[in-house]
C-alpha atoms as a PDB file:
ATOM      1  CA  MET A   1      -1.657  12.896 -89.045  1.00  0.00           C
ATOM      2  CA  LYS A   2      -2.695  16.202 -87.449  1.00  0.00           C
ATOM      3  CA  ARG A   3      -5.806  14.325 -86.165  1.00  0.00           C
ATOM      4  CA  LEU A   4      -3.539  11.506 -84.642  1.00  0.00           C
ATOM      5  CA  LEU A   5      -1.724  14.274 -82.899  1.00  0.00           C
ATOM      6  CA  ILE A   6      -4.826  16.346 -81.599  1.00  0.00           C
ATOM      7  CA  LEU A   7      -6.157  12.931 -80.110  1.00  0.00           C
ATOM      8  CA  ALA A   8      -2.518  11.834 -78.867  1.00  0.00           C
ATOM      9  CA  ALA A   9      -1.816  14.784 -77.556  1.00  0.00           C
ATOM     10  CA  PRO A  10      -4.974  15.326 -74.297  1.00  0.00           C
ATOM     11  CA  MET A  11      -4.027  11.434 -73.797  1.00  0.00           C
ATOM     12  CA  ALA A  12       0.138  12.271 -73.524  1.00  0.00           C
ATOM     13  CA  ILE A  13      -1.097  15.831 -71.078  1.00  0.00           C
ATOM     14  CA  GLY A  14      -3.628  12.921 -68.919  1.00  0.00           C
ATOM     15  CA  LEU A  15      -0.657  10.105 -68.938  1.00  0.00           C
ATOM     16  CA  ALA A  16       1.547  13.346 -67.584  1.00  0.00           C
ATOM     17  CA  ALA A  17      -0.794  14.182 -64.293  1.00  0.00           C
ATOM     18  CA  CYS A  18      -1.495  10.321 -63.803  1.00  0.00           C
ATOM     19  CA  SER A  19       1.575   9.788 -64.064  1.00  0.00           C
ATOM     20  CA  GLN A  20       3.065  12.424 -61.382  1.00  0.00           C
ATOM     21  CA  ASN A  21      -0.504  11.577 -59.605  1.00  0.00           C
ATOM     22  CA  ALA A  22       0.653   7.924 -59.391  1.00  0.00           C
ATOM     23  CA  GLN A  23       4.584   8.815 -58.343  1.00  0.00           C
ATOM     24  CA  THR A  24       2.941  10.665 -55.363  1.00  0.00           C
ATOM     25  CA  GLU A  25       0.828   8.033 -54.316  1.00  0.00           C
ATOM     26  CA  THR A  26       3.593   5.240 -54.242  1.00  0.00           C
ATOM     27  CA  ALA A  27       5.546   7.827 -52.117  1.00  0.00           C
ATOM     28  CA  GLU A  28       3.056   8.102 -50.151  1.00  0.00           C
ATOM     29  CA  ALA A  29       2.410   4.019 -49.714  1.00  0.00           C
ATOM     30  CA  GLY A  30       5.938   3.564 -49.791  1.00  0.00           C
ATOM     31  CA  ASN A  31       6.139   6.010 -46.864  1.00  0.00           C
ATOM     32  CA  ALA A  32       3.152   4.307 -44.936  1.00  0.00           C
ATOM     33  CA  ILE A  33       4.512   1.082 -45.427  1.00  0.00           C
ATOM     34  CA  ALA A  34       8.134   1.896 -44.164  1.00  0.00           C
ATOM     35  CA  ALA A  35       5.825   4.176 -41.045  1.00  0.00           C
ATOM     36  CA  ASP A  36       4.205   0.569 -40.508  1.00  0.00           C
ATOM     37  CA  THR A  37       7.035  -1.420 -40.847  1.00  0.00           C
ATOM     38  CA  ALA A  38       9.276   0.746 -38.053  1.00  0.00           C
ATOM     39  CA  ALA A  39       5.683   0.641 -35.713  1.00  0.00           C
ATOM     40  CA  THR A  40       5.853  -3.414 -36.524  1.00  0.00           C
ATOM     41  CA  THR A  41       9.789  -3.167 -35.572  1.00  0.00           C
ATOM     42  CA  ARG A  42       9.045  -1.338 -32.264  1.00  0.00           C
ATOM     43  CA  ASN A  43       6.500  -3.517 -31.012  1.00  0.00           C
ATOM     44  CA  ALA A  44       8.506  -6.985 -31.697  1.00  0.00           C
ATOM     45  CA  VAL A  45      11.542  -5.580 -29.945  1.00  0.00           C
ATOM     46  CA  SER A  46       9.134  -4.592 -27.096  1.00  0.00           C
ATOM     47  CA  ASP A  47       7.641  -8.140 -27.033  1.00  0.00           C
ATOM     48  CA  VAL A  48      11.027  -9.509 -27.438  1.00  0.00           C
ATOM     49  CA  ASP A  49      12.460  -7.688 -24.436  1.00  0.00           C
ATOM     50  CA  ALA A  50       9.368  -8.602 -22.312  1.00  0.00           C
ATOM     51  CA  ALA A  51       9.388 -12.115 -23.348  1.00  0.00           C
ATOM     52  CA  THR A  52      13.055 -12.355 -22.093  1.00  0.00           C
ATOM     53  CA  ASP A  53      12.624 -10.152 -19.156  1.00  0.00           C
ATOM     54  CA  GLN A  54       9.975 -12.733 -18.155  1.00  0.00           C
ATOM     55  CA  ALA A  55      11.932 -15.627 -18.834  1.00  0.00           C
ATOM     56  CA  PHE A  56      15.048 -14.682 -16.583  1.00  0.00           C
ATOM     57  CA  GLY A  57      12.623 -13.426 -14.009  1.00  0.00           C
ATOM     58  CA  SER A  58      11.063 -17.065 -14.218  1.00  0.00           C
ATOM     59  CA  ALA A  59      14.939 -18.820 -14.144  1.00  0.00           C
ATOM     60  CA  GLU A  60      15.671 -16.191 -11.461  1.00  0.00           C
ATOM     61  CA  ARG A  61      12.489 -17.711  -9.215  1.00  0.00           C
ATOM     62  CA  SER A  62      13.676 -21.459  -9.956  1.00  0.00           C
ATOM     63  CA  LEU A  63      17.513 -20.817  -9.149  1.00  0.00           C
ATOM     64  CA  ASP A  64      16.192 -18.832  -5.594  1.00  0.00           C
ATOM     65  CA  ASN A  65      13.649 -22.248  -5.051  1.00  0.00           C
ATOM     66  CA  ALA A  66      16.253 -24.637  -5.870  1.00  0.00           C
ATOM     67  CA  GLY A  67      18.664 -23.019  -3.482  1.00  0.00           C
ATOM     68  CA  ASP A  68      15.981 -22.865  -0.366  1.00  0.00           C
ATOM     69  CA  ARG A  69      15.591 -26.327  -1.732  1.00  0.00           C
ATOM     70  CA  LEU A  70      19.128 -27.135  -1.008  1.00  0.00           C
ATOM     71  CA  ASP A  71      19.351 -25.184   2.150  1.00  0.00           C
ATOM     72  CA  ASN A  72      16.535 -27.129   3.537  1.00  0.00           C
ATOM     73  CA  ALA A  73      17.875 -30.314   2.449  1.00  0.00           C
ATOM     74  CA  ALA A  74      20.988 -29.522   4.123  1.00  0.00           C
ATOM     75  CA  ASP A  75      19.610 -28.581   7.545  1.00  0.00           C
ATOM     76  CA  ARG A  76      17.374 -31.651   7.692  1.00  0.00           C
ATOM     77  CA  ALA A  77      20.976 -33.639   7.122  1.00  0.00           C
ATOM     78  CA  GLY A  78      22.450 -31.440   9.462  1.00  0.00           C
ATOM     79  CA  ALA A  79      19.922 -32.037  12.065  1.00  0.00           C
ATOM     80  CA  ALA A  80      19.720 -35.921  11.542  1.00  0.00           C
ATOM     81  CA  ILE A  81      23.793 -35.945  11.850  1.00  0.00           C
ATOM     82  CA  ASP A  82      23.693 -34.034  14.946  1.00  0.00           C
ATOM     83  CA  THR A  83      20.745 -36.085  16.035  1.00  0.00           C
ATOM     84  CA  ARG A  84      22.805 -39.314  15.274  1.00  0.00           C
ATOM     85  CA  ALA A  85      25.952 -38.080  16.680  1.00  0.00           C
ATOM     86  CA  ASP A  86      24.252 -36.858  20.359  1.00  0.00           C
ATOM     87  CA  ARG A  87      22.824 -41.175  20.088  1.00  0.00           C
ATOM     88  CA  ALA A  88      26.358 -42.074  19.206  1.00  0.00           C
ATOM     89  CA  GLY A  89      27.940 -40.284  22.066  1.00  0.00           C
ATOM     90  CA  ALA A  90      25.049 -41.745  24.348  1.00  0.00           C
ATOM     91  CA  ALA A  91      25.643 -44.783  23.850  1.00  0.00           C
ATOM     92  CA  ILE A  92      29.637 -44.619  23.784  1.00  0.00           C
ATOM     93  CA  THR A  93      29.199 -42.806  26.690  1.00  0.00           C
ATOM     94  CA  ASN A  94      26.706 -45.562  28.035  1.00  0.00           C
ATOM     95  CA  GLY A  95      28.798 -48.444  27.070  1.00  0.00           C
ATOM     96  CA  ALA A  96      32.128 -46.435  28.747  1.00  0.00           C
ATOM     97  CA  ASP A  97      30.290 -46.328  31.911  1.00  0.00           C
ATOM     98  CA  ARG A  98      29.265 -50.015  31.938  1.00  0.00           C
ATOM     99  CA  ALA A  99      32.700 -50.617  30.839  1.00  0.00           C
ATOM    100  CA  ALA A 100      34.145 -48.547  33.897  1.00  0.00           C
ATOM    101  CA  ASP A 101      31.242 -50.568  35.967  1.00  0.00           C
ATOM    102  CA  ALA A 102      32.147 -53.949  34.819  1.00  0.00           C
ATOM    103  CA  THR A 103      35.571 -53.270  35.507  1.00  0.00           C
ATOM    104  CA  GLY A 104      35.266 -51.811  38.922  1.00  0.00           C
ATOM    105  CA  ASN A 105      33.218 -54.612  39.804  1.00  0.00           C
ATOM    106  CA  THR A 106      35.748 -57.594  38.553  1.00  0.00           C
ATOM    107  CA  LEU A 107      38.379 -55.955  40.231  1.00  0.00           C
ATOM    108  CA  GLU A 108      36.086 -55.619  43.870  1.00  0.00           C
ATOM    109  CA  ARG A 109      35.703 -59.195  43.243  1.00  0.00           C
ATOM    110  CA  ALA A 110      39.092 -59.683  42.732  1.00  0.00           C
ATOM    111  CA  GLY A 111      40.211 -57.768  45.539  1.00  0.00           C
ATOM    112  CA  ARG A 112      37.483 -59.817  47.697  1.00  0.00           C
ATOM    113  CA  SER A 113      39.135 -63.501  45.922  1.00  0.00           C
ATOM    114  CA  LEU A 114      42.430 -62.257  47.292  1.00  0.00           C
ATOM    115  CA  LYS A 115      41.644 -60.957  50.483  1.00  0.00           C
ATOM    116  CA  ASP A 116      39.762 -64.495  51.449  1.00  0.00           C
END
């Protein structure tokens, strides 16, 4: 029994020392894992922020471009309406002038007929 004790004592001391060493290494590994996790999380947040900014910038540019296209289309439509309105006004004026001339000519002929 004494022999067993003599053999077991150094093993117990070795296990105790190993256990303390293992605890220290485990704690260091845990700290390293926590630091890596924190760094990964920070990087992920930065990546998400950058992607969000890029998406918002792209959406803003798309909306600006759409607004510019709508402005241009409205300008072209306004110009076309103005051109057509000008042509319609000229046609009405020409028609009114021809009608006035025709009325005047008719009245002149009527006056001559009455005179004769």
